[in-house]
Amino acid sequence: MKIPSLAALKKELTYLNEQELSSLIVELSKFTRDNKAFLYFKLNEKDQPNLFVDSVKEELAELFQTANTTSFYLTKKSAQGIRRKLNKALKFSTNKTDQIELILFFCDKMKTYGYLKFNHPVISKLFQMQIQKAEKLILKLEDDLQYDYTQLLEQIN
């Protein structure tokens, strides 16, 4: 079965009435936890703009606290797992400042919890890739925000 394009899906959605559309959204949210989380954040975004960032930071902080860092191998695996969670969360947000905050939070926690002390090439590369991702996102912001986030980035780096 060939999956239709996004444009074709949008066109089909315009033909649905409000009740059919809401039932379709509820069905979609039942499939995965990610769909449910995305729907929750979008519905509550207007009332609590920092809800998404705060909940992701809380989840990442918990993962860093419970991670096994006794050897470089386990540290590497933990860092990769946490990075996968981060990347999944970044897909939910189109707001560049939220994405930068989460990436910088991840990098700060890597440094705080001693992930970089192992000097393992995979861990170092993972850290540098996140720093580069943050730098690229910072360049897309307005000048005053660029300055603020550049200062944060320099503190971490």
Protein backbone atom coordinates (compact mmCIF):
# COMPACT_ATOMS: atom_id res chain seq x y z
CA MET A 1 0.00 0.00 0.00
CA LYS A 2 1.33 3.40 -0.98
CA ILE A 3 0.96 6.09 1.69
CA PRO A 4 -0.52 9.32 0.27
CA SER A 5 1.31 12.64 0.51
CA LEU A 6 0.68 15.17 3.24
CA ALA A 7 -1.09 17.46 0.75
CA ALA A 8 -3.52 14.67 -0.17
CA LEU A 9 -4.21 13.97 3.51
CA LYS A 10 -4.85 17.67 4.18
CA LYS A 11 -7.29 17.76 1.29
CA GLU A 12 -9.18 14.75 2.63
CA LEU A 13 -9.31 16.25 6.12
CA THR A 14 -11.06 19.36 4.81
CA TYR A 15 -14.02 17.19 3.80
CA LEU A 16 -14.59 15.91 7.34
CA ASN A 17 -16.99 17.61 9.72
CA GLU A 18 -15.99 18.63 13.25
CA GLN A 19 -17.24 15.47 14.97
CA GLU A 20 -15.52 13.13 12.51
CA LEU A 21 -12.33 15.12 12.85
CA SER A 22 -12.33 14.96 16.64
CA SER A 23 -13.01 11.20 16.65
CA LEU A 24 -10.14 10.72 14.19
CA ILE A 25 -7.81 12.69 16.48
CA VAL A 26 -8.85 10.62 19.49
CA GLU A 27 -8.21 7.41 17.53
CA LEU A 28 -4.79 8.70 16.49
CA SER A 29 -3.88 9.51 20.08
CA LYS A 30 -4.60 5.91 21.09
CA PHE A 31 -1.90 4.49 18.81
CA THR A 32 1.24 5.71 20.53
CA ARG A 33 2.24 7.52 23.65
CA ASP A 34 4.01 10.08 21.46
CA ASN A 35 0.80 11.00 19.65
CA LYS A 36 -0.96 11.43 22.98
CA ALA A 37 1.87 13.58 24.35
CA PHE A 38 1.94 15.71 21.21
CA LEU A 39 -1.81 16.28 21.39
CA TYR A 40 -1.61 17.14 25.10
CA PHE A 41 1.15 19.70 24.55
CA LYS A 42 -0.63 21.31 21.60
CA LEU A 43 -3.89 21.61 23.53
CA ASN A 44 -2.22 23.15 26.60
CA GLU A 45 0.36 25.24 24.77
CA LYS A 46 -1.68 28.46 24.92
CA ASP A 47 -2.28 28.32 28.69
CA GLN A 48 1.16 27.06 29.72
CA PRO A 49 3.79 27.90 27.09
CA ASN A 50 6.67 26.32 29.07
CA LEU A 51 4.83 23.09 29.86
CA PHE A 52 6.52 21.15 27.07
CA VAL A 53 10.05 22.33 27.86
CA ASP A 54 9.62 21.80 31.59
CA SER A 55 8.24 18.28 31.23
CA VAL A 56 10.99 17.24 28.80
CA LYS A 57 13.67 18.72 31.07
CA GLU A 58 12.19 16.83 34.00
CA GLU A 59 12.21 13.56 32.04
CA LEU A 60 15.79 14.08 30.82
CA ALA A 61 17.00 15.00 34.32
CA GLU A 62 15.49 11.80 35.67
CA LEU A 63 17.20 9.77 32.94
CA PHE A 64 20.56 11.39 33.75
CA GLN A 65 20.13 10.67 37.46
CA THR A 66 19.31 7.00 36.93
CA ALA A 67 21.89 6.38 34.19
CA ASN A 68 24.68 3.91 34.85
CA THR A 69 28.03 5.70 34.49
CA THR A 70 30.34 3.13 36.06
CA SER A 71 32.21 2.37 32.84
CA PHE A 72 32.73 4.18 29.56
CA TYR A 73 30.66 1.57 27.69
CA LEU A 74 27.61 1.97 29.95
CA THR A 75 28.05 5.73 29.97
CA LYS A 76 28.12 5.78 26.18
CA LYS A 77 24.97 3.65 25.95
CA SER A 78 23.18 5.84 28.51
CA ALA A 79 24.13 9.03 26.67
CA GLN A 80 22.92 7.60 23.37
CA GLY A 81 19.62 6.53 24.91
CA ILE A 82 19.04 9.93 26.47
CA ARG A 83 19.93 11.62 23.19
CA ARG A 84 17.30 9.49 21.40
CA LYS A 85 14.70 10.73 23.91
CA LEU A 86 15.86 14.30 23.30
CA ASN A 87 15.61 13.95 19.53
CA LYS A 88 12.13 12.49 19.82
CA ALA A 89 11.09 15.44 21.99
CA LEU A 90 12.64 17.93 19.56
CA LYS A 91 10.34 16.66 16.83
CA PHE A 92 7.33 17.80 18.84
CA SER A 93 8.40 21.44 18.97
CA THR A 94 8.69 23.84 16.06
CA ASN A 95 9.76 26.65 18.39
CA LYS A 96 13.51 27.22 17.92
CA THR A 97 14.04 28.65 21.41
CA ASP A 98 12.47 25.56 22.99
CA GLN A 99 14.72 23.33 20.91
CA ILE A 100 17.82 25.31 21.87
CA GLU A 101 16.88 25.23 25.56
CA LEU A 102 16.48 21.45 25.47
CA ILE A 103 19.74 20.87 23.60
CA LEU A 104 21.66 23.15 25.97
CA PHE A 105 20.03 21.44 28.95
CA PHE A 106 21.17 18.06 27.57
CA CYS A 107 24.74 19.32 27.07
CA ASP A 108 24.83 20.91 30.52
CA LYS A 109 23.68 17.66 32.16
CA MET A 110 26.27 15.66 30.20
CA LYS A 111 28.92 17.92 31.62
CA THR A 112 27.42 18.00 35.13
CA TYR A 113 27.11 14.23 35.45
CA GLY A 114 30.67 13.62 34.21
CA TYR A 115 29.97 12.01 30.85
CA LEU A 116 32.86 13.88 29.25
CA LYS A 117 35.44 12.72 31.82
CA PHE A 118 35.83 9.38 30.02
CA ASN A 119 37.25 11.06 26.88
CA HIS A 120 35.48 8.42 24.84
CA PRO A 121 35.31 9.42 21.15
CA VAL A 122 31.62 8.49 20.80
CA ILE A 123 30.58 10.49 23.84
CA SER A 124 32.72 13.47 22.80
CA LYS A 125 31.31 13.36 19.27
CA LEU A 126 27.75 13.13 20.61
CA PHE A 127 28.38 16.21 22.77
CA GLN A 128 29.95 18.16 19.89
CA MET A 129 27.10 17.27 17.52
CA GLN A 130 24.56 18.66 20.00
CA ILE A 131 26.63 21.83 20.41
CA GLN A 132 26.76 22.24 16.63
CA LYS A 133 23.01 21.68 16.39
CA ALA A 134 22.45 24.39 19.00
CA GLU A 135 24.80 26.77 17.16
CA LYS A 136 22.87 26.31 13.91
CA LEU A 137 19.57 26.96 15.64
CA ILE A 138 20.95 30.04 17.41
CA LEU A 139 21.93 31.57 14.07
CA LYS A 140 18.26 31.45 13.01
CA LEU A 141 17.13 33.59 15.96
CA GLU A 142 16.86 37.36 16.37
CA ASP A 143 19.98 39.25 17.45
CA ASP A 144 19.07 39.75 21.12
CA LEU A 145 18.14 36.08 21.57
CA GLN A 146 21.28 35.05 19.69
CA TYR A 147 23.39 36.95 22.19
CA ASP A 148 21.64 35.38 25.20
CA TYR A 149 21.88 31.83 23.93
CA THR A 150 25.46 32.32 22.72
CA GLN A 151 26.39 33.30 26.28
CA LEU A 152 24.73 30.12 27.61
CA LEU A 153 26.48 28.04 24.97
CA GLU A 154 29.87 29.49 25.90
CA GLN A 155 29.26 28.69 29.58
CA ILE A 156 28.54 25.07 28.71
CA ASN A 157 31.28 24.68 26.14
